[in-house]
C-alpha atoms as a PDB file:
ATOM      1  CA  MET A   1    -159.715   1.347 -54.299  1.00  0.00           C
ATOM      2  CA  ALA A   2    -159.560  -1.368 -51.658  1.00  0.00           C
ATOM      3  CA  PRO A   3    -161.231  -4.721 -52.273  1.00  0.00           C
ATOM      4  CA  ILE A   4    -163.381  -6.175 -49.531  1.00  0.00           C
ATOM      5  CA  ALA A   5    -162.886  -9.888 -48.974  1.00  0.00           C
ATOM      6  CA  ARG A   6    -165.765 -12.334 -49.281  1.00  0.00           C
ATOM      7  CA  ALA A   7    -167.575 -12.828 -46.026  1.00  0.00           C
ATOM      8  CA  ALA A   8    -167.336 -16.163 -44.315  1.00  0.00           C
ATOM      9  CA  ASP A   9    -170.911 -15.783 -43.041  1.00  0.00           C
ATOM     10  CA  PRO A  10    -173.087 -18.351 -44.829  1.00  0.00           C
ATOM     11  CA  ARG A  11    -176.086 -16.009 -44.515  1.00  0.00           C
ATOM     12  CA  SER A  12    -174.455 -13.324 -46.645  1.00  0.00           C
ATOM     13  CA  ILE A  13    -174.235 -12.555 -50.325  1.00  0.00           C
ATOM     14  CA  ASP A  14    -171.459 -11.004 -52.382  1.00  0.00           C
ATOM     15  CA  VAL A  15    -172.063  -7.866 -54.408  1.00  0.00           C
ATOM     16  CA  GLU A  16    -169.538  -7.234 -57.186  1.00  0.00           C
ATOM     17  CA  LEU A  17    -169.267  -3.697 -58.552  1.00  0.00           C
ATOM     18  CA  TYR A  18    -168.061  -2.764 -62.035  1.00  0.00           C
ATOM     19  CA  GLY A  19    -167.492   0.386 -64.080  1.00  0.00           C
ATOM     20  CA  VAL A  20    -168.895   3.666 -62.798  1.00  0.00           C
ATOM     21  CA  VAL A  21    -170.556   1.855 -59.894  1.00  0.00           C
ATOM     22  CA  ARG A  22    -167.144   0.635 -58.688  1.00  0.00           C
ATOM     23  CA  LEU A  23    -165.580   4.059 -59.153  1.00  0.00           C
ATOM     24  CA  ARG A  24    -168.299   5.757 -57.117  1.00  0.00           C
ATOM     25  CA  ALA A  25    -168.305   3.143 -54.364  1.00  0.00           C
ATOM     26  CA  GLY A  26    -164.528   3.031 -54.059  1.00  0.00           C
ATOM     27  CA  VAL A  27    -164.593  -0.773 -53.635  1.00  0.00           C
ATOM     28  CA  ASP A  28    -164.954  -3.683 -56.029  1.00  0.00           C
ATOM     29  CA  ARG A  29    -166.844  -6.107 -53.773  1.00  0.00           C
ATOM     30  CA  VAL A  30    -169.049  -5.927 -50.695  1.00  0.00           C
ATOM     31  CA  ALA A  31    -170.456  -8.722 -48.520  1.00  0.00           C
ATOM     32  CA  LEU A  32    -173.992  -8.000 -47.293  1.00  0.00           C
ATOM     33  CA  PRO A  33    -176.776  -9.896 -45.526  1.00  0.00           C
ATOM     34  CA  ALA A  34    -179.126 -11.824 -47.816  1.00  0.00           C
ATOM     35  CA  GLY A  35    -182.660 -10.448 -48.206  1.00  0.00           C
ATOM     36  CA  THR A  36    -184.863  -8.975 -50.897  1.00  0.00           C
ATOM     37  CA  LEU A  37    -183.280  -6.959 -53.688  1.00  0.00           C
ATOM     38  CA  ALA A  38    -184.605  -3.777 -52.039  1.00  0.00           C
ATOM     39  CA  GLU A  39    -183.049  -4.732 -48.694  1.00  0.00           C
ATOM     40  CA  VAL A  40    -179.710  -5.573 -50.299  1.00  0.00           C
ATOM     41  CA  LEU A  41    -179.619  -2.364 -52.349  1.00  0.00           C
ATOM     42  CA  GLY A  42    -180.596  -0.346 -49.268  1.00  0.00           C
ATOM     43  CA  ALA A  43    -177.768  -1.943 -47.291  1.00  0.00           C
ATOM     44  CA  LEU A  44    -175.367  -1.262 -50.165  1.00  0.00           C
ATOM     45  CA  ALA A  45    -176.386   2.403 -50.295  1.00  0.00           C
ATOM     46  CA  ARG A  46    -175.743   2.701 -46.554  1.00  0.00           C
ATOM     47  CA  ARG A  47    -172.345   0.993 -46.883  1.00  0.00           C
ATOM     48  CA  CYS A  48    -171.380   3.023 -49.986  1.00  0.00           C
ATOM     49  CA  PRO A  49    -173.206   6.366 -49.684  1.00  0.00           C
ATOM     50  CA  ALA A  50    -171.745   7.684 -52.953  1.00  0.00           C
ATOM     51  CA  LEU A  51    -174.130   5.327 -54.801  1.00  0.00           C
ATOM     52  CA  ALA A  52    -177.201   7.187 -53.531  1.00  0.00           C
ATOM     53  CA  PRO A  53    -179.350   8.739 -54.768  1.00  0.00           C
ATOM     54  CA  GLU A  54    -178.242   8.678 -58.407  1.00  0.00           C
ATOM     55  CA  LEU A  55    -177.843   4.882 -58.677  1.00  0.00           C
ATOM     56  CA  ILE A  56    -179.794   3.596 -55.671  1.00  0.00           C
ATOM     57  CA  ARG A  57    -182.781   5.340 -54.105  1.00  0.00           C
ATOM     58  CA  ASP A  58    -184.974   3.889 -51.358  1.00  0.00           C
ATOM     59  CA  GLY A  59    -183.732   0.366 -52.098  1.00  0.00           C
ATOM     60  CA  HIS A  60    -184.483   0.618 -55.812  1.00  0.00           C
ATOM     61  CA  ALA A  61    -182.002   0.592 -58.677  1.00  0.00           C
ATOM     62  CA  SER A  62    -182.177   3.625 -60.933  1.00  0.00           C
ATOM     63  CA  ALA A  63    -182.482   3.327 -64.702  1.00  0.00           C
ATOM     64  CA  HIS A  64    -178.691   3.835 -64.784  1.00  0.00           C
ATOM     65  CA  LEU A  65    -177.966   0.602 -62.892  1.00  0.00           C
ATOM     66  CA  LEU A  66    -178.091  -3.027 -64.034  1.00  0.00           C
ATOM     67  CA  VAL A  67    -178.277  -5.799 -61.441  1.00  0.00           C
ATOM     68  CA  ALA A  68    -177.520  -9.391 -62.444  1.00  0.00           C
ATOM     69  CA  LEU A  69    -178.155 -12.341 -60.140  1.00  0.00           C
ATOM     70  CA  ASP A  70    -175.227 -14.762 -60.175  1.00  0.00           C
ATOM     71  CA  GLY A  71    -174.085 -13.087 -63.401  1.00  0.00           C
ATOM     72  CA  ARG A  72    -176.846 -14.819 -65.385  1.00  0.00           C
ATOM     73  CA  GLU A  73    -180.152 -13.011 -64.966  1.00  0.00           C
ATOM     74  CA  VAL A  74    -180.814  -9.264 -64.948  1.00  0.00           C
ATOM     75  CA  ILE A  75    -183.280  -8.516 -62.158  1.00  0.00           C
ATOM     76  CA  ASP A  76    -185.174  -5.417 -61.036  1.00  0.00           C
ATOM     77  CA  ASP A  77    -188.044  -6.611 -58.827  1.00  0.00           C
ATOM     78  CA  PRO A  78    -187.408  -5.061 -55.397  1.00  0.00           C
ATOM     79  CA  ALA A  79    -189.306  -7.925 -53.729  1.00  0.00           C
ATOM     80  CA  ARG A  80    -187.091 -10.581 -55.361  1.00  0.00           C
ATOM     81  CA  PRO A  81    -185.421 -12.670 -52.645  1.00  0.00           C
ATOM     82  CA  ILE A  82    -181.643 -12.950 -52.887  1.00  0.00           C
ATOM     83  CA  ALA A  83    -180.591 -16.246 -51.316  1.00  0.00           C
ATOM     84  CA  PRO A  84    -177.550 -16.597 -49.076  1.00  0.00           C
ATOM     85  CA  GLY A  85    -174.472 -17.526 -51.102  1.00  0.00           C
ATOM     86  CA  SER A  86    -175.710 -15.632 -54.177  1.00  0.00           C
ATOM     87  CA  CYS A  87    -173.716 -13.019 -56.016  1.00  0.00           C
ATOM     88  CA  LEU A  88    -175.157  -9.782 -57.359  1.00  0.00           C
ATOM     89  CA  VAL A  89    -173.240  -8.066 -60.141  1.00  0.00           C
ATOM     90  CA  LEU A  90    -173.853  -4.323 -60.463  1.00  0.00           C
ATOM     91  CA  THR A  91    -172.795  -2.243 -63.420  1.00  0.00           C
ATOM     92  CA  SER A  92    -173.943   0.942 -65.079  1.00  0.00           C
ATOM     93  CA  ALA A  93    -176.496   0.692 -67.860  1.00  0.00           C
ATOM     94  CA  GLN A  94    -174.988   2.338 -70.931  1.00  0.00           C
ATOM     95  CA  ALA A  95    -176.414   2.908 -74.362  1.00  0.00           C
ATOM     96  CA  GLY A  96    -174.426   2.000 -77.420  1.00  0.00           C
ATOM     97  CA  GLY A  97    -172.171  -0.884 -78.076  1.00  0.00           C
END
């Protein structure tokens, strides 16, 4: 699994992948253009096709995927803007504890 370095582009965001999401994608981090959550997830699915359609479909996160903005707030609104410089953390939603 090869890490992808943070992008130097100030218009981009970092997406960190953990757990099953990381295993499927084959990378632990991806730099993508900022946009709405749907646009970012769509770009991620194109960059890492193994994430679709089970975890990402048509720019929407499945019930099996948790998305946290800057590691602080779990988000799921596809229209939510993701500002440049932000970090999305993606992990699988698992029951139990």
